[in-house]
Amino acid sequence: MVLYTVNRKYESFAVARLKSLHIDFLIQPASDTSINLFFGRPECIQTIRFLVDRPLNRISPEEDFILGAMLGYDICAQCERYCKRKKTTC
């Protein structure tokens, strides 16, 4: 799965390209001028639909951990990030 933050002016191009390649995707507003574009395998995108129902800066530490793992981030780094967000020592 991929998360791509892009200027809104490229949204129609990105959507057309993903549709033409039959790649599942989800668009989430990121700011007034940008969007978060998640794309990848259908099961990943379906999970993101359940998990990320608000701006990314408002998701819980647990949701952030899962999202990072789904995006392929280093698990040890995700653990450190989680502990910092929970303000605990790991």
Protein backbone atom coordinates (compact mmCIF):
# COMPACT_ATOMS: atom_id res chain seq x y z
CA MET A 1 0.00 0.00 0.00
CA VAL A 2 1.10 3.55 -0.69
CA LEU A 3 0.21 6.88 0.89
CA TYR A 4 0.86 9.83 -1.40
CA THR A 5 0.16 13.39 -0.28
CA VAL A 6 -0.36 15.52 -3.35
CA ASN A 7 -1.67 18.92 -4.38
CA ARG A 8 -5.41 18.85 -5.12
CA LYS A 9 -4.78 20.11 -8.64
CA TYR A 10 -3.36 16.65 -9.52
CA GLU A 11 -6.29 14.70 -8.05
CA SER A 12 -8.19 14.12 -11.31
CA PHE A 13 -5.01 12.99 -13.09
CA ALA A 14 -4.08 10.58 -10.27
CA VAL A 15 -7.61 9.16 -10.03
CA ALA A 16 -7.82 8.63 -13.80
CA ARG A 17 -4.45 6.89 -13.80
CA LEU A 18 -5.35 4.60 -10.88
CA LYS A 19 -8.71 3.73 -12.44
CA SER A 20 -7.09 2.96 -15.79
CA LEU A 21 -4.72 0.56 -14.02
CA HIS A 22 -7.55 -0.95 -11.93
CA ILE A 23 -5.84 -0.03 -8.66
CA ASP A 24 -8.02 0.50 -5.59
CA PHE A 25 -7.64 3.86 -3.89
CA LEU A 26 -9.04 6.15 -1.23
CA ILE A 27 -8.82 9.94 -1.12
CA GLN A 28 -8.79 11.86 2.13
CA PRO A 29 -8.49 15.64 2.48
CA ALA A 30 -5.14 16.62 4.02
CA SER A 31 -5.41 20.42 3.89
CA ASP A 32 -7.08 23.13 1.86
CA THR A 33 -4.61 22.50 -0.95
CA SER A 34 -3.67 18.83 -0.67
CA ILE A 35 -5.09 15.33 -0.40
CA ASN A 36 -3.87 12.03 0.98
CA LEU A 37 -4.17 9.40 -1.70
CA PHE A 38 -3.99 5.83 -0.42
CA PHE A 39 -3.68 3.16 -3.09
CA GLY A 40 -2.87 -0.50 -3.33
CA ARG A 41 -4.45 -3.90 -2.82
CA PRO A 42 -8.20 -3.93 -2.17
CA GLU A 43 -7.92 -5.49 1.29
CA CYS A 44 -5.52 -2.77 2.40
CA ILE A 45 -7.72 0.04 1.09
CA GLN A 46 -10.79 -1.51 2.76
CA THR A 47 -8.90 -1.60 6.06
CA ILE A 48 -7.94 2.06 5.64
CA ARG A 49 -11.62 2.91 5.08
CA PHE A 50 -12.37 1.49 8.55
CA LEU A 51 -9.23 2.74 10.25
CA VAL A 52 -8.72 6.29 8.97
CA ASP A 53 -12.02 8.11 9.24
CA ARG A 54 -10.56 11.46 10.27
CA PRO A 55 -7.44 13.53 9.52
CA LEU A 56 -4.19 11.67 10.13
CA ASN A 57 -3.10 14.12 12.82
CA ARG A 58 -6.14 13.03 14.85
CA ILE A 59 -5.73 9.24 14.75
CA SER A 60 -4.84 7.38 17.93
CA PRO A 61 -1.34 6.07 18.65
CA GLU A 62 -2.63 2.56 17.98
CA GLU A 63 -4.14 3.55 14.63
CA ASP A 64 -0.92 5.37 13.73
CA PHE A 65 1.07 2.23 14.55
CA ILE A 66 -1.14 0.04 12.36
CA LEU A 67 -1.06 2.55 9.50
CA GLY A 68 2.72 2.74 9.65
CA ALA A 69 2.99 -1.04 9.63
CA MET A 70 0.65 -1.24 6.63
CA LEU A 71 2.79 1.29 4.79
CA GLY A 72 5.85 -0.86 5.38
CA TYR A 73 7.60 1.36 7.91
CA ASP A 74 10.26 -0.18 10.11
CA ILE A 75 8.44 -1.97 12.94
CA CYS A 76 11.05 -1.07 15.58
CA ALA A 77 10.80 2.59 14.56
CA GLN A 78 7.01 2.29 14.76
CA CYS A 79 7.35 0.89 18.29
CA GLU A 80 9.53 3.85 19.29
CA ARG A 81 7.06 6.28 17.74
CA TYR A 82 4.17 4.57 19.54
CA CYS A 83 5.93 4.80 22.90
CA LYS A 84 6.67 8.49 22.35
CA ARG A 85 3.04 9.18 21.46
CA LYS A 86 1.88 7.23 24.52
CA LYS A 87 4.56 9.02 26.58
CA THR A 88 5.93 5.79 28.00
CA THR A 89 9.26 3.99 27.96
CA CYS A 90 9.55 0.89 25.81
